[in-house]
Amino acid sequence: LLPQAEFVMIGPYDVSGDGPPSDLRERDNIELTGSKNTEEILAFALDVDIWLMAYDRSRDIDGGTNPHKILEYLATGKVVVSNWAEAYEGNDLIVMPPTPDNAPLPALLADVVGRLDQLSAPAERARRAAYASKFSYQAHLAEIDKTLQAALSARRSN
């Protein structure tokens, strides 16, 4: 699938042993890097065109309900293709199957590769990044501060 695309697999697996299946390790367009620290991933993110998050939902502790990694990917503004995630159901910021079945992922990824210029337009990148920024720690702290200030103000006026 997609021989014209280059895939870089980052993750906590043993590159030479118990890791991705041998058919992935043997493909010329797949690089297996193993784990990367935050700085390495941030530097790497500059060259990413599409973030692909494909995993076995049955092995995920949250069952694919709200993978926080998606927000990190959206913050880069790049296109995100993911298996189904309940928190993003009905949200057009990521490309995902309409149900928890991962079977459509290869076709969705191929479609995104074919429309990458359109999906990577500056306005679309800005829209994804803006959405993610609403969920930043700074945004949450501002909301908490606003709530505390309102509670304190109400208490003072009583």
N, C-alpha and C. Protein backbone atom coordinates (compact mmCIF):
# COMPACT_ATOMS: atom_id res chain seq x y z
N LEU A 1 0.83 -1.19 0.00
CA LEU A 1 0.00 0.00 0.00
C LEU A 1 0.87 1.25 0.00
N LEU A 2 0.57 2.18 -0.84
CA LEU A 2 1.22 3.49 -0.91
C LEU A 2 2.74 3.41 -1.02
N PRO A 3 3.26 2.76 -2.04
CA PRO A 3 4.72 2.67 -2.18
C PRO A 3 5.38 4.02 -2.39
N GLN A 4 4.61 5.04 -2.81
CA GLN A 4 5.17 6.37 -3.02
C GLN A 4 5.33 7.14 -1.70
N ALA A 5 4.75 6.65 -0.63
CA ALA A 5 4.82 7.32 0.67
C ALA A 5 5.96 6.74 1.50
N GLU A 6 6.54 7.58 2.34
CA GLU A 6 7.54 7.13 3.30
C GLU A 6 6.90 7.11 4.68
N PHE A 7 7.03 6.00 5.37
CA PHE A 7 6.47 5.85 6.70
C PHE A 7 7.60 5.76 7.71
N VAL A 8 7.45 6.50 8.79
CA VAL A 8 8.39 6.42 9.89
C VAL A 8 7.58 5.99 11.11
N MET A 9 7.93 4.84 11.66
CA MET A 9 7.23 4.30 12.81
C MET A 9 8.02 4.62 14.08
N ILE A 10 7.40 5.40 14.94
CA ILE A 10 8.02 5.78 16.21
C ILE A 10 7.21 5.11 17.31
N GLY A 11 7.88 4.47 18.23
CA GLY A 11 7.14 3.87 19.33
C GLY A 11 8.00 3.00 20.20
N PRO A 12 7.44 2.64 21.35
CA PRO A 12 8.19 1.82 22.32
C PRO A 12 8.15 0.34 21.96
N TYR A 13 8.93 -0.02 20.99
CA TYR A 13 9.00 -1.42 20.60
C TYR A 13 10.45 -1.77 20.34
N ASP A 14 10.72 -3.03 20.34
CA ASP A 14 12.06 -3.52 20.05
C ASP A 14 12.20 -3.59 18.54
N VAL A 15 13.02 -2.73 17.97
CA VAL A 15 13.15 -2.63 16.52
C VAL A 15 13.57 -3.96 15.90
N SER A 16 14.39 -4.73 16.59
CA SER A 16 14.89 -5.97 16.00
C SER A 16 14.13 -7.22 16.44
N GLY A 17 13.39 -7.12 17.51
CA GLY A 17 12.74 -8.32 18.03
C GLY A 17 11.23 -8.19 18.04
N ASP A 18 10.65 -8.21 19.25
CA ASP A 18 9.19 -8.12 19.39
C ASP A 18 8.74 -6.71 19.05
N GLY A 19 8.38 -6.51 17.85
CA GLY A 19 7.95 -5.19 17.40
C GLY A 19 7.04 -5.33 16.23
N PRO A 20 7.14 -4.41 15.31
CA PRO A 20 6.31 -4.50 14.12
C PRO A 20 6.54 -5.81 13.38
N PRO A 21 5.51 -6.30 12.71
CA PRO A 21 5.65 -7.56 11.97
C PRO A 21 6.77 -7.49 10.94
N SER A 22 7.30 -8.64 10.59
CA SER A 22 8.43 -8.69 9.67
C SER A 22 8.11 -8.09 8.31
N ASP A 23 6.84 -8.17 7.87
CA ASP A 23 6.52 -7.58 6.57
C ASP A 23 6.68 -6.06 6.58
N LEU A 24 6.51 -5.42 7.73
CA LEU A 24 6.78 -3.99 7.83
C LEU A 24 8.28 -3.72 7.85
N ARG A 25 8.99 -4.56 8.59
CA ARG A 25 10.44 -4.36 8.71
C ARG A 25 11.15 -4.55 7.37
N GLU A 26 10.55 -5.28 6.46
CA GLU A 26 11.19 -5.57 5.17
C GLU A 26 10.86 -4.57 4.07
N ARG A 27 9.95 -3.67 4.29
CA ARG A 27 9.55 -2.72 3.24
C ARG A 27 10.54 -1.57 3.14
N ASP A 28 10.84 -1.20 1.90
CA ASP A 28 11.80 -0.13 1.64
C ASP A 28 11.29 1.24 2.06
N ASN A 29 9.97 1.44 2.10
CA ASN A 29 9.44 2.76 2.42
C ASN A 29 9.01 2.90 3.88
N ILE A 30 9.50 2.00 4.74
CA ILE A 30 9.19 2.07 6.16
C ILE A 30 10.47 2.11 6.97
N GLU A 31 10.56 3.13 7.82
CA GLU A 31 11.70 3.26 8.74
C GLU A 31 11.18 3.04 10.16
N LEU A 32 11.83 2.18 10.89
CA LEU A 32 11.47 1.90 12.27
C LEU A 32 12.50 2.56 13.17
N THR A 33 12.05 3.51 13.98
CA THR A 33 13.00 4.28 14.79
C THR A 33 13.04 3.86 16.25
N GLY A 34 12.02 3.16 16.72
CA GLY A 34 11.93 2.90 18.15
C GLY A 34 11.43 4.15 18.86
N SER A 35 11.64 4.23 20.15
CA SER A 35 11.16 5.38 20.94
C SER A 35 12.00 6.62 20.65
N LYS A 36 11.36 7.76 20.81
CA LYS A 36 12.02 9.05 20.68
C LYS A 36 11.61 9.90 21.88
N ASN A 37 12.54 10.75 22.35
CA ASN A 37 12.16 11.65 23.44
C ASN A 37 11.40 12.84 22.86
N THR A 38 10.87 13.68 23.72
CA THR A 38 10.03 14.80 23.29
C THR A 38 10.74 15.71 22.31
N GLU A 39 11.98 16.06 22.61
CA GLU A 39 12.72 16.96 21.72
C GLU A 39 12.92 16.35 20.34
N GLU A 40 13.23 15.06 20.30
CA GLU A 40 13.42 14.38 19.02
C GLU A 40 12.13 14.36 18.21
N ILE A 41 11.02 14.11 18.89
CA ILE A 41 9.73 14.07 18.19
C ILE A 41 9.36 15.46 17.67
N LEU A 42 9.59 16.49 18.48
CA LEU A 42 9.28 17.85 18.02
C LEU A 42 10.11 18.23 16.81
N ALA A 43 11.38 17.88 16.81
CA ALA A 43 12.23 18.16 15.65
C ALA A 43 11.76 17.36 14.44
N PHE A 44 11.40 16.12 14.67
CA PHE A 44 10.92 15.25 13.60
C PHE A 44 9.61 15.77 13.01
N ALA A 45 8.76 16.35 13.84
CA ALA A 45 7.42 16.78 13.42
C ALA A 45 7.47 17.80 12.28
N LEU A 46 8.56 18.53 12.16
CA LEU A 46 8.67 19.53 11.10
C LEU A 46 8.56 18.90 9.72
N ASP A 47 9.01 17.66 9.57
CA ASP A 47 9.02 16.99 8.28
C ASP A 47 7.82 16.08 8.03
N VAL A 48 6.91 16.00 8.98
CA VAL A 48 5.74 15.13 8.85
C VAL A 48 4.70 15.80 7.96
N ASP A 49 4.12 15.04 7.04
CA ASP A 49 3.00 15.52 6.24
C ASP A 49 1.67 15.03 6.80
N ILE A 50 1.68 13.78 7.25
CA ILE A 50 0.46 13.15 7.78
C ILE A 50 0.83 12.40 9.05
N TRP A 51 0.08 12.63 10.10
CA TRP A 51 0.23 11.82 11.31
C TRP A 51 -0.75 10.67 11.20
N LEU A 52 -0.27 9.46 11.36
CA LEU A 52 -1.12 8.28 11.31
C LEU A 52 -1.13 7.64 12.69
N MET A 53 -2.31 7.50 13.23
CA MET A 53 -2.44 6.81 14.51
C MET A 53 -3.35 5.61 14.28
N ALA A 54 -2.73 4.46 14.23
CA ALA A 54 -3.47 3.22 13.98
C ALA A 54 -3.04 2.20 15.01
N TYR A 55 -3.96 1.79 15.82
CA TYR A 55 -3.63 0.84 16.87
C TYR A 55 -4.83 -0.07 17.13
N ASP A 56 -4.59 -1.09 17.88
CA ASP A 56 -5.63 -2.05 18.25
C ASP A 56 -6.39 -1.49 19.45
N ARG A 57 -7.61 -1.02 19.22
CA ARG A 57 -8.40 -0.41 20.29
C ARG A 57 -8.59 -1.35 21.48
N SER A 58 -8.64 -2.65 21.23
CA SER A 58 -8.88 -3.58 22.33
C SER A 58 -7.69 -3.62 23.30
N ARG A 59 -6.51 -3.16 22.84
CA ARG A 59 -5.32 -3.15 23.70
C ARG A 59 -5.10 -1.79 24.37
N ASP A 60 -5.94 -0.80 24.02
CA ASP A 60 -5.83 0.54 24.58
C ASP A 60 -6.62 0.61 25.88
N ILE A 61 -6.01 1.15 26.91
CA ILE A 61 -6.66 1.20 28.22
C ILE A 61 -7.97 1.99 28.17
N ASP A 62 -8.06 2.98 27.28
CA ASP A 62 -9.28 3.78 27.16
C ASP A 62 -10.21 3.28 26.06
N GLY A 63 -9.83 2.22 25.38
CA GLY A 63 -10.68 1.67 24.33
C GLY A 63 -10.88 2.62 23.16
N GLY A 64 -9.94 3.52 22.96
CA GLY A 64 -10.04 4.45 21.83
C GLY A 64 -11.02 5.57 22.04
N THR A 65 -11.39 5.84 23.30
CA THR A 65 -12.39 6.88 23.52
C THR A 65 -11.82 8.29 23.36
N ASN A 66 -10.61 8.55 23.85
CA ASN A 66 -10.07 9.90 23.80
C ASN A 66 -8.54 9.87 23.81
N PRO A 67 -7.94 9.46 22.72
CA PRO A 67 -6.48 9.44 22.68
C PRO A 67 -5.91 10.86 22.64
N HIS A 68 -5.22 11.23 23.69
CA HIS A 68 -4.67 12.58 23.81
C HIS A 68 -3.60 12.88 22.77
N LYS A 69 -3.00 11.86 22.24
CA LYS A 69 -1.97 12.05 21.22
C LYS A 69 -2.53 12.81 20.01
N ILE A 70 -3.81 12.64 19.74
CA ILE A 70 -4.43 13.34 18.61
C ILE A 70 -4.30 14.85 18.78
N LEU A 71 -4.52 15.35 20.00
CA LEU A 71 -4.37 16.80 20.22
C LEU A 71 -2.95 17.26 19.93
N GLU A 72 -1.97 16.46 20.31
CA GLU A 72 -0.58 16.82 20.02
C GLU A 72 -0.36 16.89 18.51
N TYR A 73 -0.91 15.93 17.78
CA TYR A 73 -0.77 15.93 16.33
C TYR A 73 -1.49 17.14 15.72
N LEU A 74 -2.72 17.41 16.17
CA LEU A 74 -3.47 18.55 15.66
C LEU A 74 -2.74 19.87 15.92
N ALA A 75 -2.05 19.96 17.05
CA ALA A 75 -1.33 21.19 17.38
C ALA A 75 -0.27 21.54 16.35
N THR A 76 0.23 20.54 15.63
CA THR A 76 1.22 20.81 14.59
C THR A 76 0.57 21.37 13.33
N GLY A 77 -0.76 21.27 13.24
CA GLY A 77 -1.48 21.72 12.07
C GLY A 77 -1.51 20.71 10.94
N LYS A 78 -0.76 19.65 11.07
CA LYS A 78 -0.67 18.64 10.00
C LYS A 78 -1.92 17.77 9.98
N VAL A 79 -2.12 17.09 8.86
CA VAL A 79 -3.26 16.19 8.69
C VAL A 79 -3.12 15.00 9.64
N VAL A 80 -4.23 14.59 10.23
CA VAL A 80 -4.24 13.45 11.14
C VAL A 80 -5.20 12.39 10.60
N VAL A 81 -4.68 11.19 10.41
CA VAL A 81 -5.50 10.03 10.05
C VAL A 81 -5.43 9.10 11.25
N SER A 82 -6.58 8.71 11.74
CA SER A 82 -6.60 7.92 12.97
C SER A 82 -7.66 6.84 12.88
N ASN A 83 -7.47 5.80 13.68
CA ASN A 83 -8.57 4.88 13.86
C ASN A 83 -9.65 5.65 14.63
N TRP A 84 -10.84 5.11 14.69
CA TRP A 84 -11.98 5.77 15.32
C TRP A 84 -11.65 6.14 16.76
N ALA A 85 -12.02 7.36 17.13
CA ALA A 85 -11.85 7.84 18.50
C ALA A 85 -13.14 8.55 18.90
N GLU A 86 -13.77 8.06 19.93
CA GLU A 86 -15.07 8.58 20.35
C GLU A 86 -15.06 10.09 20.54
N ALA A 87 -14.01 10.64 21.13
CA ALA A 87 -13.95 12.07 21.41
C ALA A 87 -13.97 12.92 20.15
N TYR A 88 -13.64 12.34 19.01
CA TYR A 88 -13.60 13.10 17.76
C TYR A 88 -14.72 12.71 16.79
N GLU A 89 -15.66 11.92 17.28
CA GLU A 89 -16.78 11.51 16.44
C GLU A 89 -17.55 12.75 16.00
N GLY A 90 -17.77 12.87 14.68
CA GLY A 90 -18.48 14.01 14.14
C GLY A 90 -17.62 15.25 13.98
N ASN A 91 -16.33 15.15 14.29
CA ASN A 91 -15.40 16.27 14.16
C ASN A 91 -14.63 16.08 12.86
N ASP A 92 -14.63 17.09 12.02
CA ASP A 92 -13.98 16.94 10.72
C ASP A 92 -12.51 17.33 10.72
N LEU A 93 -11.92 17.51 11.89
CA LEU A 93 -10.51 17.89 11.96
C LEU A 93 -9.56 16.71 11.76
N ILE A 94 -10.04 15.51 11.97
CA ILE A 94 -9.22 14.33 11.72
C ILE A 94 -9.97 13.43 10.74
N VAL A 95 -9.23 12.60 10.07
CA VAL A 95 -9.82 11.64 9.14
C VAL A 95 -9.82 10.30 9.86
N MET A 96 -11.01 9.75 10.05
CA MET A 96 -11.12 8.47 10.75
C MET A 96 -12.34 7.72 10.24
N PRO A 97 -12.34 6.40 10.44
CA PRO A 97 -13.51 5.62 10.04
C PRO A 97 -14.73 6.05 10.86
N PRO A 98 -15.92 5.84 10.33
CA PRO A 98 -17.13 6.25 11.04
C PRO A 98 -17.50 5.34 12.21
N THR A 99 -16.84 4.19 12.30
CA THR A 99 -17.12 3.23 13.37
C THR A 99 -15.80 2.72 13.94
N PRO A 100 -15.84 2.00 15.05
CA PRO A 100 -14.60 1.47 15.63
C PRO A 100 -13.86 0.43 14.79
N ASP A 101 -14.40 0.06 13.65
CA ASP A 101 -13.75 -0.92 12.78
C ASP A 101 -12.58 -0.26 12.04
N ASN A 102 -11.38 -0.82 12.17
CA ASN A 102 -10.19 -0.25 11.53
C ASN A 102 -10.06 -0.61 10.05
N ALA A 103 -10.92 -1.46 9.53
CA ALA A 103 -10.78 -1.93 8.15
C ALA A 103 -10.68 -0.80 7.12
N PRO A 104 -11.40 0.32 7.29
CA PRO A 104 -11.31 1.39 6.28
C PRO A 104 -10.02 2.22 6.33
N LEU A 105 -9.18 2.04 7.32
CA LEU A 105 -7.99 2.90 7.47
C LEU A 105 -7.09 2.94 6.23
N PRO A 106 -6.74 1.82 5.62
CA PRO A 106 -5.87 1.91 4.44
C PRO A 106 -6.46 2.76 3.31
N ALA A 107 -7.75 2.61 3.06
CA ALA A 107 -8.39 3.41 2.01
C ALA A 107 -8.46 4.88 2.40
N LEU A 108 -8.72 5.16 3.66
CA LEU A 108 -8.75 6.55 4.13
C LEU A 108 -7.37 7.19 3.98
N LEU A 109 -6.34 6.46 4.34
CA LEU A 109 -4.98 6.99 4.22
C LEU A 109 -4.64 7.24 2.75
N ALA A 110 -4.99 6.33 1.88
CA ALA A 110 -4.72 6.51 0.45
C ALA A 110 -5.46 7.74 -0.08
N ASP A 111 -6.69 7.94 0.36
CA ASP A 111 -7.46 9.11 -0.05
C ASP A 111 -6.78 10.40 0.43
N VAL A 112 -6.31 10.41 1.66
CA VAL A 112 -5.64 11.59 2.20
C VAL A 112 -4.35 11.88 1.43
N VAL A 113 -3.59 10.86 1.12
CA VAL A 113 -2.36 11.06 0.34
C VAL A 113 -2.71 11.70 -1.01
N GLY A 114 -3.80 11.28 -1.61
CA GLY A 114 -4.23 11.84 -2.89
C GLY A 114 -4.73 13.27 -2.81
N ARG A 115 -5.18 13.68 -1.63
CA ARG A 115 -5.71 15.03 -1.44
C ARG A 115 -4.84 15.88 -0.51
N LEU A 116 -3.59 15.50 -0.36
CA LEU A 116 -2.73 16.13 0.64
C LEU A 116 -2.60 17.64 0.44
N ASP A 117 -2.47 18.10 -0.80
CA ASP A 117 -2.35 19.54 -1.03
C ASP A 117 -3.56 20.29 -0.50
N GLN A 118 -4.73 19.78 -0.79
CA GLN A 118 -5.97 20.40 -0.32
C GLN A 118 -6.07 20.36 1.20
N LEU A 119 -5.79 19.21 1.78
CA LEU A 119 -5.91 19.05 3.23
C LEU A 119 -4.82 19.78 4.00
N SER A 120 -3.72 20.12 3.33
CA SER A 120 -2.61 20.82 3.98
C SER A 120 -2.63 22.32 3.71
N ALA A 121 -3.70 22.82 3.14
CA ALA A 121 -3.80 24.25 2.87
C ALA A 121 -3.61 25.03 4.17
N PRO A 122 -3.01 26.21 4.08
CA PRO A 122 -2.75 27.01 5.29
C PRO A 122 -3.97 27.21 6.19
N ALA A 123 -5.12 27.44 5.61
CA ALA A 123 -6.33 27.64 6.42
C ALA A 123 -6.70 26.38 7.20
N GLU A 124 -6.53 25.22 6.57
CA GLU A 124 -6.83 23.96 7.25
C GLU A 124 -5.83 23.68 8.37
N ARG A 125 -4.57 23.96 8.10
CA ARG A 125 -3.55 23.77 9.14
C ARG A 125 -3.83 24.68 10.32
N ALA A 126 -4.18 25.93 10.06
CA ALA A 126 -4.48 26.88 11.13
C ALA A 126 -5.71 26.44 11.92
N ARG A 127 -6.69 25.91 11.24
CA ARG A 127 -7.92 25.44 11.91
C ARG A 127 -7.62 24.29 12.87
N ARG A 128 -6.79 23.36 12.43
CA ARG A 128 -6.44 22.23 13.31
C ARG A 128 -5.64 22.71 14.52
N ALA A 129 -4.67 23.56 14.28
CA ALA A 129 -3.82 24.07 15.37
C ALA A 129 -4.65 24.90 16.36
N ALA A 130 -5.57 25.71 15.85
CA ALA A 130 -6.41 26.54 16.72
C ALA A 130 -7.29 25.66 17.61
N TYR A 131 -7.82 24.60 17.04
CA TYR A 131 -8.64 23.68 17.83
C TYR A 131 -7.81 23.10 18.97
N ALA A 132 -6.62 22.64 18.67
CA ALA A 132 -5.78 22.03 19.70
C ALA A 132 -5.40 23.04 20.77
N SER A 133 -5.18 24.29 20.39
CA SER A 133 -4.76 25.28 21.38
C SER A 133 -5.84 25.55 22.41
N LYS A 134 -7.10 25.29 22.06
CA LYS A 134 -8.19 25.46 23.04
C LYS A 134 -8.06 24.47 24.19
N PHE A 135 -7.28 23.41 23.99
CA PHE A 135 -7.15 22.38 25.01
C PHE A 135 -5.76 22.36 25.64
N SER A 136 -5.01 23.42 25.44
CA SER A 136 -3.66 23.49 26.01
C SER A 136 -3.74 23.64 27.52
N TYR A 137 -2.63 23.35 28.19
CA TYR A 137 -2.58 23.55 29.64
C TYR A 137 -2.85 25.00 29.98
N GLN A 138 -2.29 25.91 29.19
CA GLN A 138 -2.48 27.34 29.45
C GLN A 138 -3.96 27.71 29.34
N ALA A 139 -4.65 27.18 28.34
CA ALA A 139 -6.08 27.46 28.19
C ALA A 139 -6.87 26.88 29.37
N HIS A 140 -6.51 25.69 29.80
CA HIS A 140 -7.20 25.09 30.95
C HIS A 140 -6.93 25.88 32.22
N LEU A 141 -5.69 26.31 32.42
CA LEU A 141 -5.37 27.11 33.61
C LEU A 141 -6.13 28.43 33.60
N ALA A 142 -6.26 29.05 32.45
CA ALA A 142 -7.02 30.30 32.35
C ALA A 142 -8.49 30.07 32.71
N GLU A 143 -9.04 28.95 32.25
CA GLU A 143 -10.43 28.62 32.57
C GLU A 143 -10.60 28.35 34.07
N ILE A 144 -9.66 27.64 34.65
CA ILE A 144 -9.71 27.37 36.09
C ILE A 144 -9.62 28.69 36.86
N ASP A 145 -8.70 29.56 36.46
CA ASP A 145 -8.55 30.85 37.12
C ASP A 145 -9.84 31.66 37.02
N LYS A 146 -10.45 31.67 35.86
CA LYS A 146 -11.70 32.40 35.66
C LYS A 146 -12.79 31.86 36.58
N THR A 147 -12.88 30.55 36.70
CA THR A 147 -13.88 29.92 37.57
C THR A 147 -13.61 30.25 39.03
N LEU A 148 -12.35 30.18 39.44
CA LEU A 148 -12.00 30.51 40.83
C LEU A 148 -12.30 31.98 41.15
N GLN A 149 -11.94 32.86 40.22
CA GLN A 149 -12.20 34.29 40.43
C GLN A 149 -13.70 34.56 40.56
N ALA A 150 -14.50 33.90 39.76
CA ALA A 150 -15.96 34.06 39.84
C ALA A 150 -16.48 33.54 41.17
N ALA A 151 -15.97 32.39 41.62
CA ALA A 151 -16.40 31.83 42.90
C ALA A 151 -16.00 32.74 44.06
N LEU A 152 -14.79 33.27 44.02
CA LEU A 152 -14.33 34.17 45.07
C LEU A 152 -15.13 35.47 45.08
N SER A 153 -15.42 35.97 43.92
CA SER A 153 -16.20 37.19 43.80
C SER A 153 -17.62 36.98 44.35
N ALA A 154 -18.21 35.85 44.02
CA ALA A 154 -19.56 35.53 44.53
C ALA A 154 -19.53 35.37 46.04
N ARG A 155 -18.50 34.78 46.55
CA ARG A 155 -18.37 34.57 48.00
C ARG A 155 -18.22 35.90 48.72
N ARG A 156 -17.44 36.82 48.15
CA ARG A 156 -17.22 38.13 48.76
C ARG A 156 -18.51 38.96 48.79
N SER A 157 -19.33 38.78 47.78
CA SER A 157 -20.55 39.57 47.71
C SER A 157 -21.66 39.02 48.59
N ASN A 158 -21.46 37.85 49.18
CA ASN A 158 -22.47 37.25 50.10
C ASN A 158 -22.28 37.71 51.49
